[in-house]
Amino acid sequence: MKLNEQLDLQSDIEVPWGVWRMFACENGRSISVNGNHASFGGDYASKEELRAAIAWYVDQLGGKVKWGK
């Protein structure tokens, strides 16, 4: 089966709002910091919220995240 045929069989993956809102790509070339919150281009969020969003994407790719200090 060719790639274009395989891609036609697939459906989009719904990204939860709590994840999507942090990756809106308005400012995708830097991480903005404001107090104890940061933004990857979308909404500002706490460290825990940002980690959860990244972990969701990593899980979609079949991986797991182990956070350091």
PDB file of N, CA and C in Angstrom:
ATOM      1  N   MET A   1       0.854  -1.177   0.000  1.00  0.00           N
ATOM      2  CA  MET A   1       0.000   0.000   0.000  1.00  0.00           C
ATOM      3  C   MET A   1       0.899   1.238   0.000  1.00  0.00           C
ATOM      4  N   LYS A   2       0.554   2.204  -0.795  1.00  0.00           N
ATOM      5  CA  LYS A   2       1.325   3.449  -0.873  1.00  0.00           C
ATOM      6  C   LYS A   2       0.948   4.386   0.268  1.00  0.00           C
ATOM      7  N   LEU A   3       1.865   5.288   0.593  1.00  0.00           N
ATOM      8  CA  LEU A   3       1.658   6.221   1.690  1.00  0.00           C
ATOM      9  C   LEU A   3       0.377   7.026   1.509  1.00  0.00           C
ATOM     10  N   ASN A   4       0.137   7.547   0.304  1.00  0.00           N
ATOM     11  CA  ASN A   4      -1.059   8.372   0.132  1.00  0.00           C
ATOM     12  C   ASN A   4      -2.335   7.563   0.360  1.00  0.00           C
ATOM     13  N   GLU A   5      -2.323   6.266   0.055  1.00  0.00           N
ATOM     14  CA  GLU A   5      -3.478   5.410   0.325  1.00  0.00           C
ATOM     15  C   GLU A   5      -3.646   5.186   1.832  1.00  0.00           C
ATOM     16  N   GLN A   6      -2.526   4.987   2.517  1.00  0.00           N
ATOM     17  CA  GLN A   6      -2.563   4.786   3.968  1.00  0.00           C
ATOM     18  C   GLN A   6      -3.062   6.044   4.673  1.00  0.00           C
ATOM     19  N   LEU A   7      -2.586   7.201   4.240  1.00  0.00           N
ATOM     20  CA  LEU A   7      -3.013   8.449   4.862  1.00  0.00           C
ATOM     21  C   LEU A   7      -4.503   8.690   4.680  1.00  0.00           C
ATOM     22  N   ASP A   8      -5.053   8.279   3.538  1.00  0.00           N
ATOM     23  CA  ASP A   8      -6.489   8.443   3.295  1.00  0.00           C
ATOM     24  C   ASP A   8      -7.334   7.602   4.244  1.00  0.00           C
ATOM     25  N   LEU A   9      -6.780   6.517   4.764  1.00  0.00           N
ATOM     26  CA  LEU A   9      -7.521   5.642   5.674  1.00  0.00           C
ATOM     27  C   LEU A   9      -7.562   6.180   7.101  1.00  0.00           C
ATOM     28  N   GLN A  10      -6.670   7.082   7.409  1.00  0.00           N
ATOM     29  CA  GLN A  10      -6.540   7.566   8.777  1.00  0.00           C
ATOM     30  C   GLN A  10      -7.483   8.744   9.035  1.00  0.00           C
ATOM     31  N   SER A  11      -7.849   8.905  10.290  1.00  0.00           N
ATOM     32  CA  SER A  11      -8.636  10.075  10.683  1.00  0.00           C
ATOM     33  C   SER A  11      -7.797  10.933  11.623  1.00  0.00           C
ATOM     34  N   ASP A  12      -8.162  12.179  11.718  1.00  0.00           N
ATOM     35  CA  ASP A  12      -7.445  13.096  12.592  1.00  0.00           C
ATOM     36  C   ASP A  12      -7.590  12.672  14.053  1.00  0.00           C
ATOM     37  N   ILE A  13      -6.602  13.034  14.840  1.00  0.00           N
ATOM     38  CA  ILE A  13      -6.645  12.785  16.280  1.00  0.00           C
ATOM     39  C   ILE A  13      -7.087  14.075  16.950  1.00  0.00           C
ATOM     40  N   GLU A  14      -8.123  13.984  17.747  1.00  0.00           N
ATOM     41  CA  GLU A  14      -8.637  15.145  18.462  1.00  0.00           C
ATOM     42  C   GLU A  14      -7.657  15.507  19.581  1.00  0.00           C
ATOM     43  N   VAL A  15      -7.199  16.740  19.584  1.00  0.00           N
ATOM     44  CA  VAL A  15      -6.274  17.212  20.615  1.00  0.00           C
ATOM     45  C   VAL A  15      -7.096  17.913  21.698  1.00  0.00           C
ATOM     46  N   PRO A  16      -6.966  17.473  22.956  1.00  0.00           N
ATOM     47  CA  PRO A  16      -7.735  18.090  24.033  1.00  0.00           C
ATOM     48  C   PRO A  16      -7.415  19.579  24.181  1.00  0.00           C
ATOM     49  N   TRP A  17      -8.396  20.361  24.572  1.00  0.00           N
ATOM     50  CA  TRP A  17      -8.233  21.804  24.744  1.00  0.00           C
ATOM     51  C   TRP A  17      -7.076  22.109  25.686  1.00  0.00           C
ATOM     52  N   GLY A  18      -6.954  21.381  26.784  1.00  0.00           N
ATOM     53  CA  GLY A  18      -5.892  21.633  27.750  1.00  0.00           C
ATOM     54  C   GLY A  18      -4.501  21.453  27.167  1.00  0.00           C
ATOM     55  N   VAL A  19      -4.380  20.723  26.066  1.00  0.00           N
ATOM     56  CA  VAL A  19      -3.111  20.538  25.370  1.00  0.00           C
ATOM     57  C   VAL A  19      -2.979  21.573  24.256  1.00  0.00           C
ATOM     58  N   TRP A  20      -3.998  21.663  23.419  1.00  0.00           N
ATOM     59  CA  TRP A  20      -3.968  22.538  22.252  1.00  0.00           C
ATOM     60  C   TRP A  20      -3.704  23.996  22.621  1.00  0.00           C
ATOM     61  N   ARG A  21      -4.292  24.445  23.717  1.00  0.00           N
ATOM     62  CA  ARG A  21      -4.206  25.866  24.071  1.00  0.00           C
ATOM     63  C   ARG A  21      -2.771  26.323  24.336  1.00  0.00           C
ATOM     64  N   MET A  22      -1.878  25.398  24.621  1.00  0.00           N
ATOM     65  CA  MET A  22      -0.496  25.771  24.901  1.00  0.00           C
ATOM     66  C   MET A  22       0.395  25.732  23.668  1.00  0.00           C
ATOM     67  N   PHE A  23      -0.134  25.270  22.548  1.00  0.00           N
ATOM     68  CA  PHE A  23       0.647  25.149  21.325  1.00  0.00           C
ATOM     69  C   PHE A  23      -0.039  25.839  20.156  1.00  0.00           C
ATOM     70  N   ALA A  24      -0.546  27.030  20.386  1.00  0.00           N
ATOM     71  CA  ALA A  24      -1.302  27.740  19.356  1.00  0.00           C
ATOM     72  C   ALA A  24      -0.398  28.328  18.277  1.00  0.00           C
ATOM     73  N   CYS A  25       0.883  28.333  18.477  1.00  0.00           N
ATOM     74  CA  CYS A  25       1.890  28.733  17.488  1.00  0.00           C
ATOM     75  C   CYS A  25       1.846  30.205  17.085  1.00  0.00           C
ATOM     76  N   GLU A  26       1.378  31.072  17.934  1.00  0.00           N
ATOM     77  CA  GLU A  26       1.466  32.498  17.631  1.00  0.00           C
ATOM     78  C   GLU A  26       2.912  32.967  17.715  1.00  0.00           C
ATOM     79  N   ASN A  27       3.659  32.387  18.626  1.00  0.00           N
ATOM     80  CA  ASN A  27       5.052  32.773  18.829  1.00  0.00           C
ATOM     81  C   ASN A  27       5.871  31.492  18.939  1.00  0.00           C
ATOM     82  N   GLY A  28       5.926  30.719  17.865  1.00  0.00           N
ATOM     83  CA  GLY A  28       6.514  29.397  17.909  1.00  0.00           C
ATOM     84  C   GLY A  28       8.024  29.350  17.954  1.00  0.00           C
ATOM     85  N   ARG A  29       8.695  30.509  17.969  1.00  0.00           N
ATOM     86  CA  ARG A  29      10.161  30.480  17.935  1.00  0.00           C
ATOM     87  C   ARG A  29      10.792  30.757  19.280  1.00  0.00           C
ATOM     88  N   SER A  30       9.986  30.921  20.309  1.00  0.00           N
ATOM     89  CA  SER A  30      10.557  31.146  21.632  1.00  0.00           C
ATOM     90  C   SER A  30       9.566  30.694  22.699  1.00  0.00           C
ATOM     91  N   ILE A  31      10.077  30.520  23.905  1.00  0.00           N
ATOM     92  CA  ILE A  31       9.247  30.239  25.070  1.00  0.00           C
ATOM     93  C   ILE A  31       9.197  31.519  25.881  1.00  0.00           C
ATOM     94  N   SER A  32       8.003  32.058  26.063  1.00  0.00           N
ATOM     95  CA  SER A  32       7.833  33.282  26.837  1.00  0.00           C
ATOM     96  C   SER A  32       7.587  32.925  28.291  1.00  0.00           C
ATOM     97  N   VAL A  33       8.200  33.688  29.194  1.00  0.00           N
ATOM     98  CA  VAL A  33       8.055  33.447  30.627  1.00  0.00           C
ATOM     99  C   VAL A  33       7.452  34.683  31.265  1.00  0.00           C
ATOM    100  N   ASN A  34       6.459  34.444  32.146  1.00  0.00           N
ATOM    101  CA  ASN A  34       5.803  35.526  32.867  1.00  0.00           C
ATOM    102  C   ASN A  34       5.517  35.033  34.276  1.00  0.00           C
ATOM    103  N   GLY A  35       6.303  35.467  35.234  1.00  0.00           N
ATOM    104  CA  GLY A  35       6.149  34.997  36.604  1.00  0.00           C
ATOM    105  C   GLY A  35       6.450  33.524  36.702  1.00  0.00           C
ATOM    106  N   ASN A  36       5.488  32.743  37.237  1.00  0.00           N
ATOM    107  CA  ASN A  36       5.699  31.294  37.357  1.00  0.00           C
ATOM    108  C   ASN A  36       4.945  30.515  36.275  1.00  0.00           C
ATOM    109  N   HIS A  37       4.652  31.199  35.157  1.00  0.00           N
ATOM    110  CA  HIS A  37       3.989  30.569  34.017  1.00  0.00           C
ATOM    111  C   HIS A  37       4.823  30.789  32.757  1.00  0.00           C
ATOM    112  N   ALA A  38       4.637  29.911  31.773  1.00  0.00           N
ATOM    113  CA  ALA A  38       5.361  30.029  30.509  1.00  0.00           C
ATOM    114  C   ALA A  38       4.404  29.738  29.365  1.00  0.00           C
ATOM    115  N   SER A  39       4.806  30.141  28.161  1.00  0.00           N
ATOM    116  CA  SER A  39       4.003  29.919  26.968  1.00  0.00           C
ATOM    117  C   SER A  39       4.883  29.405  25.842  1.00  0.00           C
ATOM    118  N   PHE A  40       4.388  28.388  25.119  1.00  0.00           N
ATOM    119  CA  PHE A  40       5.053  27.877  23.927  1.00  0.00           C
ATOM    120  C   PHE A  40       4.502  28.547  22.677  1.00  0.00           C
ATOM    121  N   GLY A  41       3.737  29.606  22.839  1.00  0.00           N
ATOM    122  CA  GLY A  41       3.127  30.299  21.713  1.00  0.00           C
ATOM    123  C   GLY A  41       1.629  30.414  21.871  1.00  0.00           C
ATOM    124  N   GLY A  42       1.066  29.675  22.812  1.00  0.00           N
ATOM    125  CA  GLY A  42      -0.362  29.736  23.100  1.00  0.00           C
ATOM    126  C   GLY A  42      -0.577  30.392  24.448  1.00  0.00           C
ATOM    127  N   ASP A  43      -1.466  29.842  25.229  1.00  0.00           N
ATOM    128  CA  ASP A  43      -1.756  30.380  26.552  1.00  0.00           C
ATOM    129  C   ASP A  43      -0.571  30.164  27.494  1.00  0.00           C
ATOM    130  N   TYR A  44      -0.499  31.016  28.506  1.00  0.00           N
ATOM    131  CA  TYR A  44       0.474  30.810  29.576  1.00  0.00           C
ATOM    132  C   TYR A  44      -0.063  29.725  30.500  1.00  0.00           C
ATOM    133  N   ALA A  45       0.824  28.874  30.999  1.00  0.00           N
ATOM    134  CA  ALA A  45       0.416  27.773  31.861  1.00  0.00           C
ATOM    135  C   ALA A  45       1.504  27.487  32.883  1.00  0.00           C
ATOM    136  N   SER A  46       1.115  26.767  33.930  1.00  0.00           N
ATOM    137  CA  SER A  46       2.072  26.372  34.962  1.00  0.00           C
ATOM    138  C   SER A  46       2.971  25.258  34.428  1.00  0.00           C
ATOM    139  N   LYS A  47       4.033  24.985  35.154  1.00  0.00           N
ATOM    140  CA  LYS A  47       4.960  23.920  34.776  1.00  0.00           C
ATOM    141  C   LYS A  47       4.222  22.584  34.675  1.00  0.00           C
ATOM    142  N   GLU A  48       3.327  22.321  35.621  1.00  0.00           N
ATOM    143  CA  GLU A  48       2.597  21.059  35.608  1.00  0.00           C
ATOM    144  C   GLU A  48       1.693  20.950  34.380  1.00  0.00           C
ATOM    145  N   GLU A  49       1.015  22.037  34.015  1.00  0.00           N
ATOM    146  CA  GLU A  49       0.152  22.022  32.839  1.00  0.00           C
ATOM    147  C   GLU A  49       0.966  21.841  31.556  1.00  0.00           C
ATOM    148  N   LEU A  50       2.107  22.511  31.467  1.00  0.00           N
ATOM    149  CA  LEU A  50       2.962  22.381  30.287  1.00  0.00           C
ATOM    150  C   LEU A  50       3.514  20.965  30.176  1.00  0.00           C
ATOM    151  N   ARG A  51       3.921  20.388  31.295  1.00  0.00           N
ATOM    152  CA  ARG A  51       4.427  19.011  31.277  1.00  0.00           C
ATOM    153  C   ARG A  51       3.340  18.036  30.848  1.00  0.00           C
ATOM    154  N   ALA A  52       2.117  18.233  31.330  1.00  0.00           N
ATOM    155  CA  ALA A  52       1.010  17.352  30.951  1.00  0.00           C
ATOM    156  C   ALA A  52       0.728  17.453  29.452  1.00  0.00           C
ATOM    157  N   ALA A  53       0.810  18.654  28.900  1.00  0.00           N
ATOM    158  CA  ALA A  53       0.573  18.840  27.469  1.00  0.00           C
ATOM    159  C   ALA A  53       1.653  18.140  26.648  1.00  0.00           C
ATOM    160  N   ILE A  54       2.903  18.299  27.038  1.00  0.00           N
ATOM    161  CA  ILE A  54       3.995  17.637  26.319  1.00  0.00           C
ATOM    162  C   ILE A  54       3.856  16.122  26.442  1.00  0.00           C
ATOM    163  N   ALA A  55       3.524  15.638  27.635  1.00  0.00           N
ATOM    164  CA  ALA A  55       3.371  14.197  27.845  1.00  0.00           C
ATOM    165  C   ALA A  55       2.249  13.631  26.974  1.00  0.00           C
ATOM    166  N   TRP A  56       1.186  14.407  26.746  1.00  0.00           N
ATOM    167  CA  TRP A  56       0.093  13.946  25.893  1.00  0.00           C
ATOM    168  C   TRP A  56       0.601  13.710  24.477  1.00  0.00           C
ATOM    169  N   TYR A  57       1.390  14.656  23.947  1.00  0.00           N
ATOM    170  CA  TYR A  57       1.939  14.486  22.599  1.00  0.00           C
ATOM    171  C   TYR A  57       2.930  13.322  22.542  1.00  0.00           C
ATOM    172  N   VAL A  58       3.756  13.173  23.544  1.00  0.00           N
ATOM    173  CA  VAL A  58       4.714  12.066  23.576  1.00  0.00           C
ATOM    174  C   VAL A  58       3.964  10.736  23.602  1.00  0.00           C
ATOM    175  N   ASP A  59       2.884  10.659  24.380  1.00  0.00           N
ATOM    176  CA  ASP A  59       2.069   9.449  24.435  1.00  0.00           C
ATOM    177  C   ASP A  59       1.472   9.130  23.061  1.00  0.00           C
ATOM    178  N   GLN A  60       1.069  10.141  22.319  1.00  0.00           N
ATOM    179  CA  GLN A  60       0.526   9.928  20.973  1.00  0.00           C
ATOM    180  C   GLN A  60       1.560   9.292  20.050  1.00  0.00           C
ATOM    181  N   LEU A  61       2.825   9.531  20.344  1.00  0.00           N
ATOM    182  CA  LEU A  61       3.919   8.969  19.549  1.00  0.00           C
ATOM    183  C   LEU A  61       4.442   7.660  20.125  1.00  0.00           C
ATOM    184  N   GLY A  62       3.763   7.148  21.161  1.00  0.00           N
ATOM    185  CA  GLY A  62       4.125   5.861  21.737  1.00  0.00           C
ATOM    186  C   GLY A  62       5.219   5.922  22.778  1.00  0.00           C
ATOM    187  N   GLY A  63       5.520   7.094  23.276  1.00  0.00           N
ATOM    188  CA  GLY A  63       6.585   7.231  24.266  1.00  0.00           C
ATOM    189  C   GLY A  63       6.075   7.568  25.636  1.00  0.00           C
ATOM    190  N   LYS A  64       7.005   7.729  26.539  1.00  0.00           N
ATOM    191  CA  LYS A  64       6.714   8.131  27.916  1.00  0.00           C
ATOM    192  C   LYS A  64       7.724   9.195  28.306  1.00  0.00           C
ATOM    193  N   VAL A  65       7.319  10.057  29.218  1.00  0.00           N
ATOM    194  CA  VAL A  65       8.195  11.139  29.666  1.00  0.00           C
ATOM    195  C   VAL A  65       8.530  10.904  31.133  1.00  0.00           C
ATOM    196  N   LYS A  66       9.790  11.066  31.458  1.00  0.00           N
ATOM    197  CA  LYS A  66      10.225  11.051  32.851  1.00  0.00           C
ATOM    198  C   LYS A  66      10.862  12.398  33.116  1.00  0.00           C
ATOM    199  N   TRP A  67      10.272  13.182  33.990  1.00  0.00           N
ATOM    200  CA  TRP A  67      10.742  14.528  34.275  1.00  0.00           C
ATOM    201  C   TRP A  67      11.801  14.515  35.354  1.00  0.00           C
ATOM    202  N   GLY A  68      12.812  15.360  35.184  1.00  0.00           N
ATOM    203  CA  GLY A  68      13.824  15.562  36.222  1.00  0.00           C
ATOM    204  C   GLY A  68      13.326  16.594  37.210  1.00  0.00           C
ATOM    205  N   LYS A  69      14.231  17.139  37.953  1.00  0.00           N
ATOM    206  CA  LYS A  69      13.865  18.124  38.976  1.00  0.00           C
ATOM    207  C   LYS A  69      13.333  19.346  38.399  1.00  0.00           C
TER     208      LYS A  69
END
